[in-house]
């Protein structure tokens, strides 16, 4: 799956992996360790 990742973006507390068409392939919750 990860070989199809064309980009990524970070939104608030999420990391989104995008394919070449801009579709979200995966979404990860980002937990801030403080």
PDB file of N, CA and C in Angstrom:
ATOM      1  N   UNK A   1       0.826  -1.209   0.000  1.00  0.00           N
ATOM      2  CA  UNK A   1       0.000   0.000   0.000  1.00  0.00           C
ATOM      3  C   UNK A   1       0.859   1.257   0.000  1.00  0.00           C
ATOM      4  N   UNK A   2       1.900   1.272   0.809  1.00  0.00           N
ATOM      5  CA  UNK A   2       2.669   2.510   0.971  1.00  0.00           C
ATOM      6  C   UNK A   2       3.408   2.934  -0.290  1.00  0.00           C
ATOM      7  N   UNK A   3       3.617   2.021  -1.220  1.00  0.00           N
ATOM      8  CA  UNK A   3       4.282   2.422  -2.464  1.00  0.00           C
ATOM      9  C   UNK A   3       3.406   3.315  -3.322  1.00  0.00           C
ATOM     10  N   UNK A   4       2.115   3.393  -3.014  1.00  0.00           N
ATOM     11  CA  UNK A   4       1.198   4.237  -3.780  1.00  0.00           C
ATOM     12  C   UNK A   4       1.059   5.630  -3.186  1.00  0.00           C
ATOM     13  N   UNK A   5       1.734   5.881  -2.065  1.00  0.00           N
ATOM     14  CA  UNK A   5       1.617   7.188  -1.422  1.00  0.00           C
ATOM     15  C   UNK A   5       2.344   8.233  -2.256  1.00  0.00           C
ATOM     16  N   UNK A   6       1.633   9.283  -2.645  1.00  0.00           N
ATOM     17  CA  UNK A   6       2.225  10.339  -3.463  1.00  0.00           C
ATOM     18  C   UNK A   6       2.508  11.585  -2.632  1.00  0.00           C
ATOM     19  N   UNK A   7       1.904  11.667  -1.463  1.00  0.00           N
ATOM     20  CA  UNK A   7       2.114  12.840  -0.634  1.00  0.00           C
ATOM     21  C   UNK A   7       1.445  12.650   0.706  1.00  0.00           C
ATOM     22  N   UNK A   8       1.560  13.667   1.522  1.00  0.00           N
ATOM     23  CA  UNK A   8       0.920  13.602   2.826  1.00  0.00           C
ATOM     24  C   UNK A   8       0.577  15.002   3.261  1.00  0.00           C
ATOM     25  N   UNK A   9      -0.306  15.089   4.242  1.00  0.00           N
ATOM     26  CA  UNK A   9      -0.613  16.379   4.828  1.00  0.00           C
ATOM     27  C   UNK A   9      -0.923  16.171   6.291  1.00  0.00           C
ATOM     28  N   UNK A  10      -0.651  17.190   7.060  1.00  0.00           N
ATOM     29  CA  UNK A  10      -0.918  17.148   8.490  1.00  0.00           C
ATOM     30  C   UNK A  10      -2.057  18.105   8.768  1.00  0.00           C
ATOM     31  N   UNK A  11      -3.083  17.608   9.423  1.00  0.00           N
ATOM     32  CA  UNK A  11      -4.234  18.426   9.769  1.00  0.00           C
ATOM     33  C   UNK A  11      -4.484  18.309  11.256  1.00  0.00           C
ATOM     34  N   UNK A  12      -4.366  19.409  11.957  1.00  0.00           N
ATOM     35  CA  UNK A  12      -4.654  19.436  13.392  1.00  0.00           C
ATOM     36  C   UNK A  12      -3.940  18.278  14.082  1.00  0.00           C
ATOM     37  N   UNK A  13      -4.671  17.232  14.425  1.00  0.00           N
ATOM     38  CA  UNK A  13      -4.064  16.101  15.131  1.00  0.00           C
ATOM     39  C   UNK A  13      -4.058  14.843  14.283  1.00  0.00           C
ATOM     40  N   UNK A  14      -4.092  15.025  12.945  1.00  0.00           N
ATOM     41  CA  UNK A  14      -4.112  13.863  12.058  1.00  0.00           C
ATOM     42  C   UNK A  14      -3.047  13.990  10.980  1.00  0.00           C
ATOM     43  N   UNK A  15      -2.506  12.841  10.601  1.00  0.00           N
ATOM     44  CA  UNK A  15      -1.606  12.757   9.454  1.00  0.00           C
ATOM     45  C   UNK A  15      -2.330  11.952   8.389  1.00  0.00           C
ATOM     46  N   UNK A  16      -2.438  12.503   7.189  1.00  0.00           N
ATOM     47  CA  UNK A  16      -3.141  11.823   6.108  1.00  0.00           C
ATOM     48  C   UNK A  16      -2.174  11.515   4.970  1.00  0.00           C
ATOM     49  N   UNK A  17      -2.189  10.269   4.524  1.00  0.00           N
ATOM     50  CA  UNK A  17      -1.378   9.871   3.375  1.00  0.00           C
ATOM     51  C   UNK A  17      -2.253   9.918   2.136  1.00  0.00           C
ATOM     52  N   UNK A  18      -1.726  10.515   1.068  1.00  0.00           N
ATOM     53  CA  UNK A  18      -2.505  10.733  -0.149  1.00  0.00           C
ATOM     54  C   UNK A  18      -1.911   9.966  -1.322  1.00  0.00           C
ATOM     55  N   UNK A  19      -2.788   9.522  -2.236  1.00  0.00           N
ATOM     56  CA  UNK A  19      -2.290   8.930  -3.474  1.00  0.00           C
ATOM     57  C   UNK A  19      -2.201  10.011  -4.547  1.00  0.00           C
ATOM     58  N   UNK A  20      -1.872   9.609  -5.760  1.00  0.00           N
ATOM     59  CA  UNK A  20      -1.628  10.577  -6.829  1.00  0.00           C
ATOM     60  C   UNK A  20      -2.869  11.404  -7.171  1.00  0.00           C
ATOM     61  N   UNK A  21      -4.046  10.863  -6.913  1.00  0.00           N
ATOM     62  CA  UNK A  21      -5.280  11.601  -7.201  1.00  0.00           C
ATOM     63  C   UNK A  21      -5.727  12.468  -6.031  1.00  0.00           C
ATOM     64  N   UNK A  22      -4.966  12.433  -4.938  1.00  0.00           N
ATOM     65  CA  UNK A  22      -5.348  13.225  -3.783  1.00  0.00           C
ATOM     66  C   UNK A  22      -6.323  12.525  -2.853  1.00  0.00           C
ATOM     67  N   UNK A  23      -6.567  11.240  -3.120  1.00  0.00           N
ATOM     68  CA  UNK A  23      -7.450  10.474  -2.237  1.00  0.00           C
ATOM     69  C   UNK A  23      -6.682  10.067  -0.985  1.00  0.00           C
ATOM     70  N   UNK A  24      -7.365  10.095   0.125  1.00  0.00           N
ATOM     71  CA  UNK A  24      -6.729   9.720   1.387  1.00  0.00           C
ATOM     72  C   UNK A  24      -6.627   8.195   1.462  1.00  0.00           C
ATOM     73  N   UNK A  25      -5.392   7.711   1.580  1.00  0.00           N
ATOM     74  CA  UNK A  25      -5.160   6.272   1.682  1.00  0.00           C
ATOM     75  C   UNK A  25      -5.202   5.815   3.130  1.00  0.00           C
ATOM     76  N   UNK A  26      -4.680   6.645   4.012  1.00  0.00           N
ATOM     77  CA  UNK A  26      -4.603   6.266   5.415  1.00  0.00           C
ATOM     78  C   UNK A  26      -4.622   7.526   6.259  1.00  0.00           C
ATOM     79  N   UNK A  27      -5.130   7.370   7.454  1.00  0.00           N
ATOM     80  CA  UNK A  27      -5.216   8.516   8.363  1.00  0.00           C
ATOM     81  C   UNK A  27      -4.750   8.051   9.733  1.00  0.00           C
ATOM     82  N   UNK A  28      -3.845   8.803  10.302  1.00  0.00           N
ATOM     83  CA  UNK A  28      -3.297   8.441  11.600  1.00  0.00           C
ATOM     84  C   UNK A  28      -3.596   9.539  12.604  1.00  0.00           C
ATOM     85  N   UNK A  29      -4.001   9.127  13.793  1.00  0.00           N
ATOM     86  CA  UNK A  29      -4.150  10.086  14.884  1.00  0.00           C
ATOM     87  C   UNK A  29      -2.761  10.392  15.426  1.00  0.00           C
ATOM     88  N   UNK A  30      -2.496  11.656  15.622  1.00  0.00           N
ATOM     89  CA  UNK A  30      -1.213  12.066  16.182  1.00  0.00           C
ATOM     90  C   UNK A  30      -1.432  12.453  17.636  1.00  0.00           C
ATOM     91  N   UNK A  31      -0.751  11.757  18.518  1.00  0.00           N
ATOM     92  CA  UNK A  31      -0.873  12.064  19.948  1.00  0.00           C
ATOM     93  C   UNK A  31       0.355  12.862  20.368  1.00  0.00           C
ATOM     94  N   UNK A  32       0.108  14.008  20.931  1.00  0.00           N
ATOM     95  CA  UNK A  32       1.211  14.864  21.365  1.00  0.00           C
ATOM     96  C   UNK A  32       1.652  14.442  22.759  1.00  0.00           C
ATOM     97  N   UNK A  33       2.915  14.094  22.866  1.00  0.00           N
ATOM     98  CA  UNK A  33       3.454  13.682  24.156  1.00  0.00           C
ATOM     99  C   UNK A  33       3.998  14.911  24.873  1.00  0.00           C
ATOM    100  N   UNK A  34       3.289  15.310  25.901  1.00  0.00           N
ATOM    101  CA  UNK A  34       3.719  16.499  26.643  1.00  0.00           C
ATOM    102  C   UNK A  34       3.825  16.182  28.108  1.00  0.00           C
TER     103      UNK A  34
END
